[in-house]
């Protein structure tokens, strides 16, 4: 009917400034390519750095109905979106939930998302901090890496990356938050965001060899978080 599903590559933003490459900017060309009479609207799409499922609609009412469904599903405690992620490290528990507060924090000339383990009622009421929750399950492991299923119940920028660092298993290709996971004699531990500026993810030689990458190529490695499935009403 009115719905169209695509698979988005990592690095493509949903919205962009005029002249920049973005999903929204490509919709008129896609509409002409498919010979559609009506304009296309974005119903649901993964964040810029994620890959995966994009849901489009050529009907305004269908778009609004589905967007309301996704919002209400989160309020009802449902998990309509399922992601897959490859992590550097394997969680101690096979499945569980990551629950923490998240907020924006200014560090130098840039803003970053940081966890707030025990947010106070006032900060939540003022919306300085948002309470967030992600359900995870380990699907498979190999060579110190894992394939995880992730189901966020809340929506906050970079939520999945921060939650994976709290598991001490940052996503492969996470050059924003992976520096917060340090290692001593091979044992991972969490570092304070204030003391760990963002940098290109550091991988051991064995993993680099398996990926067929040199250390100089690492900054090109995309974030391995993929929107795998959307449940529709």
N, C-alpha and C. Protein backbone atom coordinates (compact mmCIF):
# COMPACT_ATOMS: atom_id res chain seq x y z
N UNK A 1 0.82 -1.19 0.00
CA UNK A 1 0.00 0.00 0.00
C UNK A 1 0.86 1.25 0.00
N UNK A 2 0.71 2.04 1.07
CA UNK A 2 1.41 3.33 1.15
C UNK A 2 2.84 3.20 1.67
N UNK A 3 3.22 2.00 2.14
CA UNK A 3 4.50 1.86 2.83
C UNK A 3 5.62 1.36 1.91
N UNK A 4 6.82 1.86 2.18
CA UNK A 4 8.01 1.47 1.44
C UNK A 4 9.15 1.29 2.44
N UNK A 5 9.86 0.18 2.36
CA UNK A 5 10.98 -0.09 3.27
C UNK A 5 12.29 -0.11 2.50
N UNK A 6 13.31 0.52 3.06
CA UNK A 6 14.64 0.57 2.48
C UNK A 6 15.67 0.17 3.54
N UNK A 7 16.88 -0.12 3.09
CA UNK A 7 17.99 -0.35 4.02
C UNK A 7 18.99 0.78 3.87
N UNK A 8 19.21 1.53 4.95
CA UNK A 8 20.07 2.72 4.93
C UNK A 8 21.51 2.35 5.28
N UNK A 9 22.48 2.89 4.56
CA UNK A 9 23.88 2.68 4.95
C UNK A 9 24.24 3.54 6.15
N UNK A 10 25.27 3.17 6.89
CA UNK A 10 25.72 4.02 8.01
C UNK A 10 26.29 5.33 7.48
N UNK A 11 26.13 6.40 8.28
CA UNK A 11 26.70 7.69 7.92
C UNK A 11 25.77 8.61 7.15
N UNK A 12 24.60 8.09 6.72
CA UNK A 12 23.65 8.92 5.99
C UNK A 12 22.64 9.52 6.96
N UNK A 13 22.61 10.86 7.12
CA UNK A 13 21.65 11.45 8.06
C UNK A 13 20.24 11.45 7.49
N UNK A 14 19.25 11.47 8.37
CA UNK A 14 17.86 11.56 7.93
C UNK A 14 17.57 12.96 7.42
N UNK A 15 18.01 13.98 8.16
CA UNK A 15 17.83 15.37 7.76
C UNK A 15 19.19 16.02 7.55
N UNK A 16 19.26 16.97 6.65
CA UNK A 16 20.52 17.66 6.41
C UNK A 16 20.26 19.07 5.93
N UNK A 17 21.30 19.88 5.92
CA UNK A 17 21.19 21.24 5.42
C UNK A 17 21.04 21.21 3.90
N UNK A 18 20.42 22.24 3.32
CA UNK A 18 20.28 22.29 1.85
C UNK A 18 21.63 22.09 1.16
N UNK A 19 21.65 21.18 0.23
CA UNK A 19 22.89 20.89 -0.50
C UNK A 19 23.66 19.71 0.06
N UNK A 20 23.40 19.34 1.33
CA UNK A 20 24.07 18.18 1.93
C UNK A 20 23.32 16.90 1.56
N UNK A 21 24.05 15.81 1.49
CA UNK A 21 23.44 14.52 1.21
C UNK A 21 22.68 14.04 2.45
N UNK A 22 21.38 13.76 2.30
CA UNK A 22 20.57 13.27 3.40
C UNK A 22 19.44 12.40 2.84
N UNK A 23 18.87 11.58 3.72
CA UNK A 23 17.76 10.74 3.30
C UNK A 23 16.58 11.59 2.83
N UNK A 24 16.27 12.64 3.59
CA UNK A 24 15.14 13.50 3.25
C UNK A 24 15.37 14.18 1.89
N UNK A 25 16.62 14.57 1.63
CA UNK A 25 16.93 15.21 0.36
C UNK A 25 16.84 14.27 -0.84
N UNK A 26 16.94 12.96 -0.58
CA UNK A 26 16.88 11.98 -1.67
C UNK A 26 15.45 11.55 -2.00
N UNK A 27 14.48 11.90 -1.15
CA UNK A 27 13.11 11.41 -1.34
C UNK A 27 12.47 11.87 -2.66
N UNK A 28 12.65 13.14 -3.10
CA UNK A 28 12.06 13.52 -4.40
C UNK A 28 12.58 12.68 -5.56
N UNK A 29 13.89 12.40 -5.56
CA UNK A 29 14.47 11.58 -6.64
C UNK A 29 13.94 10.15 -6.56
N UNK A 30 13.80 9.63 -5.34
CA UNK A 30 13.28 8.27 -5.15
C UNK A 30 11.83 8.19 -5.63
N UNK A 31 11.07 9.24 -5.32
CA UNK A 31 9.67 9.28 -5.76
C UNK A 31 9.58 9.24 -7.29
N UNK A 32 10.44 10.03 -7.96
CA UNK A 32 10.43 10.02 -9.43
C UNK A 32 10.87 8.66 -9.98
N UNK A 33 11.88 8.07 -9.35
CA UNK A 33 12.39 6.76 -9.81
C UNK A 33 11.32 5.69 -9.74
N UNK A 34 10.48 5.76 -8.69
CA UNK A 34 9.45 4.74 -8.50
C UNK A 34 8.13 5.11 -9.18
N UNK A 35 8.07 6.33 -9.73
CA UNK A 35 6.85 6.75 -10.41
C UNK A 35 5.67 6.95 -9.49
N UNK A 36 5.93 7.45 -8.27
CA UNK A 36 4.85 7.64 -7.29
C UNK A 36 4.23 9.01 -7.47
N UNK A 37 2.90 9.06 -7.31
CA UNK A 37 2.19 10.33 -7.46
C UNK A 37 2.33 11.21 -6.22
N UNK A 38 2.32 10.59 -5.03
CA UNK A 38 2.33 11.34 -3.77
C UNK A 38 3.75 11.47 -3.23
N UNK A 39 3.96 12.49 -2.39
CA UNK A 39 5.26 12.69 -1.75
C UNK A 39 5.52 11.57 -0.74
N UNK A 40 6.80 11.29 -0.51
CA UNK A 40 7.20 10.30 0.49
C UNK A 40 7.56 10.99 1.80
N UNK A 41 7.17 10.37 2.91
CA UNK A 41 7.49 10.88 4.24
C UNK A 41 8.28 9.81 4.99
N UNK A 42 9.18 10.25 5.87
CA UNK A 42 9.92 9.31 6.71
C UNK A 42 9.06 8.98 7.94
N UNK A 43 8.73 7.71 8.09
CA UNK A 43 7.97 7.26 9.27
C UNK A 43 8.94 6.93 10.40
N UNK A 44 9.96 6.15 10.08
CA UNK A 44 10.93 5.70 11.09
C UNK A 44 12.24 5.43 10.39
N UNK A 45 13.32 5.87 10.99
CA UNK A 45 14.64 5.65 10.40
C UNK A 45 15.69 5.63 11.50
N UNK A 46 16.76 4.85 11.32
CA UNK A 46 17.83 4.84 12.32
C UNK A 46 18.64 6.13 12.29
N UNK A 47 19.34 6.39 13.38
CA UNK A 47 20.16 7.60 13.49
C UNK A 47 21.25 7.61 12.42
N UNK A 48 21.85 8.77 12.23
CA UNK A 48 22.84 8.98 11.17
C UNK A 48 23.89 7.87 11.11
N UNK A 49 24.51 7.55 12.25
CA UNK A 49 25.63 6.62 12.24
C UNK A 49 25.19 5.16 12.16
N UNK A 50 23.89 4.89 12.37
CA UNK A 50 23.40 3.51 12.30
C UNK A 50 23.06 3.15 10.86
N UNK A 51 23.06 1.86 10.58
CA UNK A 51 22.53 1.35 9.32
C UNK A 51 21.18 0.68 9.60
N UNK A 52 20.48 0.31 8.52
CA UNK A 52 19.29 -0.52 8.71
C UNK A 52 18.01 0.04 8.17
N UNK A 53 16.93 -0.48 8.71
CA UNK A 53 15.59 -0.31 8.16
C UNK A 53 15.10 1.13 8.21
N UNK A 54 14.65 1.60 7.05
CA UNK A 54 13.98 2.90 6.93
C UNK A 54 12.56 2.63 6.45
N UNK A 55 11.59 3.17 7.16
CA UNK A 55 10.19 3.01 6.78
C UNK A 55 9.66 4.33 6.24
N UNK A 56 9.20 4.32 4.97
CA UNK A 56 8.66 5.50 4.31
C UNK A 56 7.18 5.29 4.02
N UNK A 57 6.46 6.40 3.85
CA UNK A 57 5.03 6.33 3.55
C UNK A 57 4.67 7.42 2.54
N UNK A 58 3.76 7.08 1.62
CA UNK A 58 3.27 8.06 0.66
C UNK A 58 1.90 8.61 1.06
N UNK A 59 1.49 8.29 2.30
CA UNK A 59 0.20 8.75 2.81
C UNK A 59 0.41 9.48 4.13
N UNK A 60 0.00 10.75 4.18
CA UNK A 60 0.21 11.57 5.38
C UNK A 60 -0.45 10.96 6.60
N UNK A 61 -1.68 10.47 6.46
CA UNK A 61 -2.41 9.91 7.60
C UNK A 61 -1.76 8.62 8.10
N UNK A 62 -1.26 7.81 7.18
CA UNK A 62 -0.55 6.58 7.58
C UNK A 62 0.71 6.93 8.35
N UNK A 63 1.42 7.95 7.87
CA UNK A 63 2.65 8.40 8.55
C UNK A 63 2.34 8.80 9.98
N UNK A 64 1.35 9.66 10.18
CA UNK A 64 0.99 10.13 11.52
C UNK A 64 0.53 8.98 12.42
N UNK A 65 -0.26 8.09 11.87
CA UNK A 65 -0.78 6.96 12.65
C UNK A 65 0.36 6.07 13.15
N UNK A 66 1.32 5.78 12.28
CA UNK A 66 2.43 4.90 12.66
C UNK A 66 3.38 5.61 13.63
N UNK A 67 3.64 6.90 13.42
CA UNK A 67 4.50 7.62 14.35
C UNK A 67 3.88 7.67 15.74
N UNK A 68 2.55 7.85 15.81
CA UNK A 68 1.87 7.81 17.11
C UNK A 68 1.95 6.43 17.73
N UNK A 69 1.85 5.38 16.89
CA UNK A 69 1.97 4.02 17.41
C UNK A 69 3.33 3.79 18.06
N UNK A 70 4.42 4.22 17.39
CA UNK A 70 5.75 4.01 17.95
C UNK A 70 5.93 4.76 19.27
N UNK A 71 5.39 5.98 19.36
CA UNK A 71 5.47 6.75 20.60
C UNK A 71 4.68 6.08 21.71
N UNK A 72 3.44 5.67 21.43
CA UNK A 72 2.60 5.04 22.44
C UNK A 72 3.14 3.67 22.86
N UNK A 73 3.78 2.96 21.93
CA UNK A 73 4.35 1.65 22.25
C UNK A 73 5.42 1.79 23.33
N UNK A 74 6.25 2.85 23.23
CA UNK A 74 7.28 3.07 24.26
C UNK A 74 6.63 3.38 25.60
N UNK A 75 5.55 4.19 25.58
CA UNK A 75 4.85 4.52 26.82
C UNK A 75 4.26 3.26 27.46
N UNK A 76 3.82 2.31 26.62
CA UNK A 76 3.20 1.08 27.15
C UNK A 76 4.24 0.03 27.55
N UNK A 77 5.51 0.37 27.40
CA UNK A 77 6.56 -0.57 27.79
C UNK A 77 6.83 -1.63 26.74
N UNK A 78 6.44 -1.37 25.49
CA UNK A 78 6.70 -2.32 24.41
C UNK A 78 8.02 -1.98 23.72
N UNK A 79 8.48 -2.90 22.89
CA UNK A 79 9.76 -2.74 22.21
C UNK A 79 9.56 -2.94 20.70
N UNK A 80 9.04 -1.93 20.00
CA UNK A 80 8.73 -2.11 18.58
C UNK A 80 9.95 -2.14 17.65
N UNK A 81 11.12 -1.66 18.14
CA UNK A 81 12.32 -1.62 17.30
C UNK A 81 13.37 -2.58 17.85
N UNK A 82 13.94 -3.38 16.97
CA UNK A 82 14.99 -4.33 17.35
C UNK A 82 16.25 -4.05 16.53
N UNK A 83 17.35 -3.87 17.23
CA UNK A 83 18.64 -3.60 16.59
C UNK A 83 19.57 -4.79 16.76
N UNK A 84 20.58 -4.85 15.91
CA UNK A 84 21.70 -5.79 16.07
C UNK A 84 22.97 -4.96 16.19
N UNK A 85 23.89 -5.44 17.01
CA UNK A 85 25.17 -4.74 17.17
C UNK A 85 26.29 -5.76 17.31
N UNK A 86 27.44 -5.43 16.77
CA UNK A 86 28.67 -6.21 17.02
C UNK A 86 29.47 -5.44 18.05
N UNK A 87 29.86 -6.11 19.11
CA UNK A 87 30.58 -5.45 20.20
C UNK A 87 31.99 -5.98 20.34
N UNK A 88 32.88 -5.11 20.81
CA UNK A 88 34.25 -5.51 21.15
C UNK A 88 34.22 -5.88 22.63
N UNK A 89 34.18 -7.16 22.92
CA UNK A 89 33.97 -7.66 24.27
C UNK A 89 32.65 -8.40 24.33
N UNK A 90 32.55 -9.27 25.33
CA UNK A 90 31.35 -10.10 25.50
C UNK A 90 30.74 -9.80 26.87
N UNK A 91 29.45 -9.46 26.94
CA UNK A 91 28.82 -9.17 28.24
C UNK A 91 28.91 -10.37 29.19
N UNK A 92 29.01 -10.10 30.49
CA UNK A 92 29.07 -11.17 31.48
C UNK A 92 27.78 -11.99 31.49
N UNK A 93 26.64 -11.30 31.40
CA UNK A 93 25.35 -11.99 31.39
C UNK A 93 24.87 -12.17 29.94
N UNK A 94 24.23 -13.30 29.67
CA UNK A 94 23.76 -13.60 28.33
C UNK A 94 22.63 -12.65 27.91
N UNK A 95 21.81 -12.21 28.86
CA UNK A 95 20.77 -11.24 28.56
C UNK A 95 20.48 -10.41 29.80
N UNK A 96 19.88 -9.25 29.57
CA UNK A 96 19.58 -8.37 30.69
C UNK A 96 19.07 -7.03 30.21
N UNK A 97 19.05 -6.06 31.12
CA UNK A 97 18.60 -4.70 30.80
C UNK A 97 19.62 -3.69 31.30
N UNK A 98 19.82 -2.64 30.52
CA UNK A 98 20.67 -1.52 30.93
C UNK A 98 19.74 -0.35 31.21
N UNK A 99 19.76 0.11 32.43
CA UNK A 99 18.88 1.21 32.83
C UNK A 99 19.73 2.30 33.47
N UNK A 100 19.70 3.49 32.90
CA UNK A 100 20.48 4.60 33.45
C UNK A 100 19.88 5.92 32.98
N UNK A 101 20.22 6.99 33.68
CA UNK A 101 19.87 8.31 33.19
C UNK A 101 20.89 8.75 32.16
N UNK A 102 20.47 9.57 31.20
CA UNK A 102 21.37 10.13 30.20
C UNK A 102 21.15 11.63 30.12
N UNK A 103 22.23 12.36 29.89
CA UNK A 103 22.10 13.81 29.72
C UNK A 103 23.21 14.31 28.81
N UNK A 104 22.99 15.52 28.27
CA UNK A 104 24.02 16.19 27.49
C UNK A 104 24.95 16.94 28.45
N UNK A 105 26.24 16.87 28.16
CA UNK A 105 27.23 17.57 28.98
C UNK A 105 28.23 18.27 28.07
N UNK A 106 28.50 19.52 28.37
CA UNK A 106 29.46 20.28 27.57
C UNK A 106 30.88 19.92 27.99
N UNK A 107 31.69 19.56 27.01
CA UNK A 107 33.10 19.26 27.28
C UNK A 107 33.94 20.02 26.27
N UNK A 108 34.53 21.11 26.76
CA UNK A 108 35.27 21.97 25.85
C UNK A 108 34.32 22.69 24.92
N UNK A 109 34.55 22.54 23.61
CA UNK A 109 33.70 23.21 22.63
C UNK A 109 32.65 22.28 22.03
N UNK A 110 32.45 21.11 22.64
CA UNK A 110 31.46 20.18 22.09
C UNK A 110 30.60 19.57 23.19
N UNK A 111 29.40 19.16 22.81
CA UNK A 111 28.49 18.51 23.75
C UNK A 111 28.57 17.00 23.57
N UNK A 112 28.48 16.26 24.68
CA UNK A 112 28.53 14.81 24.61
C UNK A 112 27.46 14.22 25.51
N UNK A 113 27.03 13.00 25.20
CA UNK A 113 26.02 12.29 26.00
C UNK A 113 26.75 11.47 27.06
N UNK A 114 26.34 11.66 28.33
CA UNK A 114 27.00 10.95 29.43
C UNK A 114 25.94 10.27 30.30
N UNK A 115 26.29 9.14 30.93
CA UNK A 115 25.34 8.46 31.81
C UNK A 115 25.24 9.13 33.17
N UNK A 116 24.06 9.05 33.76
CA UNK A 116 23.81 9.52 35.12
C UNK A 116 23.21 8.33 35.87
N UNK A 117 24.03 7.53 36.58
CA UNK A 117 23.57 6.26 37.14
C UNK A 117 22.36 6.38 38.08
N UNK A 118 22.32 7.42 38.91
CA UNK A 118 21.21 7.55 39.86
C UNK A 118 20.65 8.97 39.78
N UNK A 119 19.87 9.27 38.74
CA UNK A 119 19.36 10.64 38.59
C UNK A 119 18.34 10.98 39.67
N UNK A 120 18.39 12.22 40.15
CA UNK A 120 17.44 12.66 41.16
C UNK A 120 16.09 13.02 40.55
N UNK A 121 15.08 13.06 41.39
CA UNK A 121 13.73 13.37 40.90
C UNK A 121 13.65 14.75 40.27
N UNK A 122 14.37 15.71 40.89
CA UNK A 122 14.31 17.08 40.37
C UNK A 122 14.91 17.17 38.97
N UNK A 123 16.04 16.51 38.77
CA UNK A 123 16.69 16.57 37.45
C UNK A 123 15.83 15.88 36.39
N UNK A 124 15.12 14.81 36.78
CA UNK A 124 14.21 14.14 35.85
C UNK A 124 13.00 15.01 35.55
N UNK A 125 12.47 15.67 36.61
CA UNK A 125 11.30 16.54 36.43
C UNK A 125 11.64 17.74 35.55
N UNK A 126 12.86 18.29 35.73
CA UNK A 126 13.28 19.43 34.90
C UNK A 126 13.69 19.00 33.49
N UNK A 127 13.77 17.68 33.30
CA UNK A 127 14.18 17.07 32.03
C UNK A 127 15.63 17.39 31.69
N UNK A 128 16.43 17.67 32.75
CA UNK A 128 17.88 17.78 32.56
C UNK A 128 18.47 16.40 32.25
N UNK A 129 17.83 15.38 32.82
CA UNK A 129 18.25 13.99 32.65
C UNK A 129 17.04 13.18 32.19
N UNK A 130 17.27 12.21 31.30
CA UNK A 130 16.19 11.32 30.88
C UNK A 130 16.52 9.91 31.32
N UNK A 131 15.54 9.24 31.93
CA UNK A 131 15.70 7.84 32.31
C UNK A 131 15.58 6.97 31.07
N UNK A 132 16.56 6.10 30.82
CA UNK A 132 16.58 5.30 29.60
C UNK A 132 16.73 3.82 29.92
N UNK A 133 16.25 2.99 29.00
CA UNK A 133 16.26 1.53 29.22
C UNK A 133 16.45 0.82 27.88
N UNK A 134 17.36 -0.14 27.87
CA UNK A 134 17.58 -1.00 26.71
C UNK A 134 17.65 -2.45 27.17
N UNK A 135 16.92 -3.30 26.49
CA UNK A 135 16.99 -4.75 26.73
C UNK A 135 18.00 -5.34 25.75
N UNK A 136 18.87 -6.25 26.23
CA UNK A 136 19.86 -6.85 25.33
C UNK A 136 19.88 -8.37 25.48
N UNK A 137 20.34 -9.05 24.43
CA UNK A 137 20.52 -10.50 24.45
C UNK A 137 21.70 -10.86 23.56
N UNK A 138 22.59 -11.71 24.06
CA UNK A 138 23.74 -12.16 23.28
C UNK A 138 23.29 -13.27 22.33
N UNK A 139 23.49 -13.06 21.02
CA UNK A 139 23.09 -14.05 20.02
C UNK A 139 24.22 -15.01 19.68
N UNK A 140 25.45 -14.50 19.64
CA UNK A 140 26.61 -15.37 19.38
C UNK A 140 27.88 -14.63 19.77
N UNK A 141 28.95 -15.39 19.96
CA UNK A 141 30.25 -14.81 20.32
C UNK A 141 31.35 -15.50 19.51
N UNK A 142 32.42 -14.75 19.27
CA UNK A 142 33.58 -15.32 18.58
C UNK A 142 34.77 -14.40 18.76
N UNK A 143 35.89 -14.95 19.18
CA UNK A 143 37.14 -14.20 19.24
C UNK A 143 37.08 -12.94 20.07
N UNK A 144 36.37 -12.99 21.19
CA UNK A 144 36.29 -11.82 22.06
C UNK A 144 35.29 -10.77 21.61
N UNK A 145 34.50 -11.07 20.57
CA UNK A 145 33.45 -10.16 20.11
C UNK A 145 32.09 -10.85 20.26
N UNK A 146 31.04 -10.07 20.18
CA UNK A 146 29.70 -10.63 20.33
C UNK A 146 28.73 -9.97 19.36
N UNK A 147 27.71 -10.75 18.97
CA UNK A 147 26.58 -10.22 18.22
C UNK A 147 25.41 -10.10 19.19
N UNK A 148 24.93 -8.89 19.37
CA UNK A 148 23.87 -8.62 20.35
C UNK A 148 22.58 -8.20 19.68
N UNK A 149 21.48 -8.60 20.29
CA UNK A 149 20.17 -8.04 19.95
C UNK A 149 19.86 -6.96 20.97
N UNK A 150 19.46 -5.78 20.49
CA UNK A 150 19.17 -4.64 21.36
C UNK A 150 17.75 -4.15 21.10
N UNK A 151 17.00 -3.94 22.19
CA UNK A 151 15.65 -3.42 22.07
C UNK A 151 15.49 -2.23 23.02
N UNK A 152 15.62 -1.01 22.49
CA UNK A 152 15.46 0.17 23.34
C UNK A 152 13.99 0.44 23.64
N UNK A 153 13.70 0.73 24.90
CA UNK A 153 12.34 1.12 25.27
C UNK A 153 12.19 2.64 25.23
N UNK A 154 13.29 3.33 25.31
CA UNK A 154 13.29 4.79 25.27
C UNK A 154 14.11 5.27 24.09
N UNK A 155 13.99 6.55 23.77
CA UNK A 155 14.73 7.13 22.65
C UNK A 155 15.53 8.32 23.14
N UNK A 156 16.85 8.23 23.04
CA UNK A 156 17.74 9.34 23.39
C UNK A 156 18.94 9.26 22.45
N UNK A 157 19.47 10.39 21.98
CA UNK A 157 20.62 10.34 21.08
C UNK A 157 21.77 9.52 21.67
N UNK A 158 22.33 8.63 20.85
CA UNK A 158 23.49 7.82 21.20
C UNK A 158 23.22 6.88 22.38
N UNK A 159 21.94 6.61 22.64
CA UNK A 159 21.58 5.75 23.78
C UNK A 159 22.24 4.37 23.69
N UNK A 160 22.17 3.73 22.52
CA UNK A 160 22.69 2.37 22.41
C UNK A 160 24.21 2.33 22.59
N UNK A 161 24.92 3.32 22.03
CA UNK A 161 26.38 3.33 22.21
C UNK A 161 26.76 3.48 23.69
N UNK A 162 26.09 4.41 24.39
CA UNK A 162 26.41 4.62 25.81
C UNK A 162 26.06 3.39 26.63
N UNK A 163 24.92 2.78 26.36
CA UNK A 163 24.52 1.59 27.11
C UNK A 163 25.50 0.44 26.89
N UNK A 164 26.02 0.31 25.66
CA UNK A 164 26.99 -0.76 25.41
C UNK A 164 28.31 -0.50 26.14
N UNK A 165 28.72 0.77 26.26
CA UNK A 165 29.94 1.04 27.03
C UNK A 165 29.73 0.72 28.51
N UNK A 166 28.50 0.90 29.01
CA UNK A 166 28.22 0.54 30.41
C UNK A 166 28.29 -0.96 30.62
N UNK A 167 28.08 -1.73 29.55
CA UNK A 167 28.28 -3.19 29.61
C UNK A 167 29.76 -3.54 29.48
N UNK A 168 30.60 -2.52 29.27
CA UNK A 168 32.04 -2.69 29.02
C UNK A 168 32.30 -3.39 27.69
N UNK A 169 31.33 -3.27 26.77
CA UNK A 169 31.43 -3.89 25.45
C UNK A 169 31.02 -2.87 24.39
N UNK A 170 31.88 -1.90 24.08
CA UNK A 170 31.49 -0.88 23.10
C UNK A 170 31.24 -1.48 21.73
N UNK A 171 30.39 -0.82 20.95
CA UNK A 171 30.10 -1.28 19.59
C UNK A 171 31.34 -1.16 18.72
N UNK A 172 31.51 -2.10 17.83
CA UNK A 172 32.60 -2.04 16.84
C UNK A 172 32.40 -0.80 15.98
N UNK A 173 33.44 0.00 15.84
CA UNK A 173 33.35 1.22 15.05
C UNK A 173 32.83 2.42 15.82
N UNK A 174 32.71 2.30 17.15
CA UNK A 174 32.26 3.45 17.96
C UNK A 174 33.48 4.29 18.32
N UNK A 175 33.67 5.37 17.56
CA UNK A 175 34.81 6.26 17.79
C UNK A 175 34.43 7.42 18.72
N UNK A 176 33.24 7.38 19.28
CA UNK A 176 32.75 8.45 20.14
C UNK A 176 32.84 8.08 21.61
N UNK A 177 32.44 6.83 21.95
CA UNK A 177 32.31 6.44 23.36
C UNK A 177 33.23 5.30 23.79
N UNK A 178 33.85 4.60 22.85
CA UNK A 178 34.62 3.41 23.21
C UNK A 178 35.84 3.74 24.07
N UNK A 179 36.33 4.99 24.01
CA UNK A 179 37.50 5.37 24.82
C UNK A 179 37.18 5.34 26.32
N UNK A 180 35.90 5.28 26.68
CA UNK A 180 35.54 5.24 28.11
C UNK A 180 35.74 3.86 28.73
N UNK A 181 36.03 2.86 27.90
CA UNK A 181 36.30 1.52 28.41
C UNK A 181 37.81 1.29 28.37
N UNK A 182 38.43 1.25 29.56
CA UNK A 182 39.86 0.99 29.65
C UNK A 182 40.12 -0.47 29.96
N UNK A 183 41.40 -0.87 29.90
CA UNK A 183 41.78 -2.26 30.21
C UNK A 183 43.07 -2.29 31.00
N UNK A 184 43.10 -3.14 32.02
CA UNK A 184 44.31 -3.41 32.78
C UNK A 184 44.49 -4.92 32.82
N UNK A 185 45.58 -5.41 32.25
CA UNK A 185 45.84 -6.85 32.15
C UNK A 185 44.67 -7.58 31.49
N UNK A 186 44.07 -6.93 30.50
CA UNK A 186 42.99 -7.54 29.76
C UNK A 186 41.62 -7.43 30.39
N UNK A 187 41.53 -6.84 31.59
CA UNK A 187 40.26 -6.72 32.29
C UNK A 187 39.68 -5.33 32.02
N UNK A 188 38.46 -5.24 31.47
CA UNK A 188 37.88 -3.93 31.15
C UNK A 188 37.32 -3.23 32.39
N UNK A 189 37.37 -1.91 32.37
CA UNK A 189 36.76 -1.12 33.44
C UNK A 189 36.30 0.21 32.84
N UNK A 190 35.39 0.87 33.54
CA UNK A 190 34.77 2.09 33.03
C UNK A 190 35.55 3.31 33.49
N UNK A 191 35.80 4.23 32.56
CA UNK A 191 36.48 5.49 32.86
C UNK A 191 35.47 6.63 32.86
N UNK A 192 35.75 7.68 33.60
CA UNK A 192 34.85 8.83 33.65
C UNK A 192 34.87 9.56 32.31
N UNK A 193 33.69 9.98 31.81
CA UNK A 193 33.65 10.69 30.52
C UNK A 193 34.51 11.95 30.50
N UNK A 194 34.63 12.64 31.67
CA UNK A 194 35.38 13.89 31.72
C UNK A 194 36.87 13.68 31.46
N UNK A 195 37.36 12.48 31.73
CA UNK A 195 38.80 12.22 31.60
C UNK A 195 39.15 11.48 30.30
N UNK A 196 38.14 11.20 29.48
CA UNK A 196 38.38 10.37 28.29
C UNK A 196 37.81 11.05 27.05
N UNK A 197 38.60 11.89 26.38
CA UNK A 197 38.11 12.51 25.15
C UNK A 197 37.88 11.45 24.06
N UNK A 198 36.99 11.76 23.13
CA UNK A 198 36.70 10.83 22.04
C UNK A 198 37.93 10.64 21.15
N UNK A 199 38.08 9.44 20.67
CA UNK A 199 39.19 9.15 19.76
C UNK A 199 38.83 7.92 18.92
N UNK A 200 39.63 7.68 17.89
CA UNK A 200 39.42 6.50 17.07
C UNK A 200 39.52 5.25 17.93
N UNK A 201 38.60 4.33 17.75
CA UNK A 201 38.55 3.12 18.56
C UNK A 201 39.86 2.33 18.44
N UNK A 202 40.34 1.81 19.55
CA UNK A 202 41.57 1.02 19.59
C UNK A 202 41.20 -0.46 19.58
N UNK A 203 41.74 -1.22 18.62
CA UNK A 203 41.49 -2.66 18.52
C UNK A 203 42.82 -3.40 18.58
N UNK A 204 42.78 -4.63 19.10
CA UNK A 204 44.03 -5.40 19.18
C UNK A 204 44.42 -5.93 17.79
N UNK A 205 45.66 -6.36 17.68
CA UNK A 205 46.21 -6.75 16.38
C UNK A 205 45.46 -7.94 15.78
N UNK A 206 45.02 -8.87 16.62
CA UNK A 206 44.33 -10.05 16.11
C UNK A 206 43.01 -9.66 15.44
N UNK A 207 42.25 -8.77 16.09
CA UNK A 207 40.98 -8.34 15.53
C UNK A 207 41.20 -7.50 14.26
N UNK A 208 42.22 -6.64 14.28
CA UNK A 208 42.55 -5.86 13.09
C UNK A 208 42.87 -6.78 11.91
N UNK A 209 43.61 -7.85 12.20
CA UNK A 209 43.98 -8.80 11.15
C UNK A 209 42.74 -9.50 10.60
N UNK A 210 41.82 -9.89 11.48
CA UNK A 210 40.59 -10.56 11.03
C UNK A 210 39.73 -9.62 10.19
N UNK A 211 39.75 -8.32 10.52
CA UNK A 211 38.97 -7.34 9.76
C UNK A 211 39.68 -6.92 8.48
N UNK A 212 40.96 -7.27 8.36
CA UNK A 212 41.72 -6.88 7.17
C UNK A 212 42.02 -5.40 7.13
N UNK A 213 42.21 -4.80 8.33
CA UNK A 213 42.44 -3.36 8.42
C UNK A 213 43.81 -3.07 9.01
N UNK A 214 44.38 -1.94 8.61
CA UNK A 214 45.59 -1.44 9.25
C UNK A 214 45.16 -0.40 10.28
N UNK A 215 46.01 -0.09 11.28
CA UNK A 215 45.64 0.95 12.26
C UNK A 215 45.27 2.28 11.62
N UNK A 216 45.89 2.62 10.48
CA UNK A 216 45.60 3.88 9.81
C UNK A 216 44.19 3.90 9.21
N UNK A 217 43.65 2.71 8.90
CA UNK A 217 42.32 2.63 8.29
C UNK A 217 41.20 2.60 9.32
N UNK A 218 41.55 2.50 10.59
CA UNK A 218 40.53 2.29 11.62
C UNK A 218 39.48 3.39 11.68
N UNK A 219 39.89 4.64 11.44
CA UNK A 219 38.93 5.73 11.57
C UNK A 219 37.85 5.67 10.50
N UNK A 220 38.05 4.84 9.46
CA UNK A 220 37.03 4.65 8.43
C UNK A 220 36.02 3.56 8.83
N UNK A 221 36.31 2.80 9.87
CA UNK A 221 35.43 1.70 10.27
C UNK A 221 34.09 2.24 10.73
N UNK A 222 32.97 1.86 10.08
CA UNK A 222 31.66 2.41 10.47
C UNK A 222 31.14 1.77 11.75
N UNK A 223 30.20 2.45 12.36
CA UNK A 223 29.56 1.95 13.58
C UNK A 223 28.71 0.73 13.23
N UNK A 224 28.92 -0.37 13.95
CA UNK A 224 28.22 -1.62 13.66
C UNK A 224 26.98 -1.77 14.55
N UNK A 225 26.02 -0.85 14.35
CA UNK A 225 24.69 -0.96 14.97
C UNK A 225 23.67 -0.84 13.84
N UNK A 226 22.75 -1.80 13.77
CA UNK A 226 21.88 -1.96 12.61
C UNK A 226 20.44 -2.14 13.07
N UNK A 227 19.54 -1.29 12.54
CA UNK A 227 18.11 -1.44 12.84
C UNK A 227 17.58 -2.63 12.04
N UNK A 228 17.31 -3.71 12.73
CA UNK A 228 17.01 -4.99 12.09
C UNK A 228 15.51 -5.19 11.82
N UNK A 229 14.67 -4.71 12.74
CA UNK A 229 13.25 -5.05 12.64
C UNK A 229 12.37 -3.98 13.28
N UNK A 230 11.23 -3.72 12.65
CA UNK A 230 10.21 -2.84 13.22
C UNK A 230 8.88 -3.61 13.28
N UNK A 231 8.23 -3.57 14.42
CA UNK A 231 6.91 -4.20 14.56
C UNK A 231 5.85 -3.15 14.28
N UNK A 232 4.93 -3.46 13.36
CA UNK A 232 3.86 -2.53 13.00
C UNK A 232 2.53 -3.02 13.58
N UNK A 233 1.59 -2.09 13.83
CA UNK A 233 0.30 -2.51 14.38
C UNK A 233 -0.50 -3.30 13.33
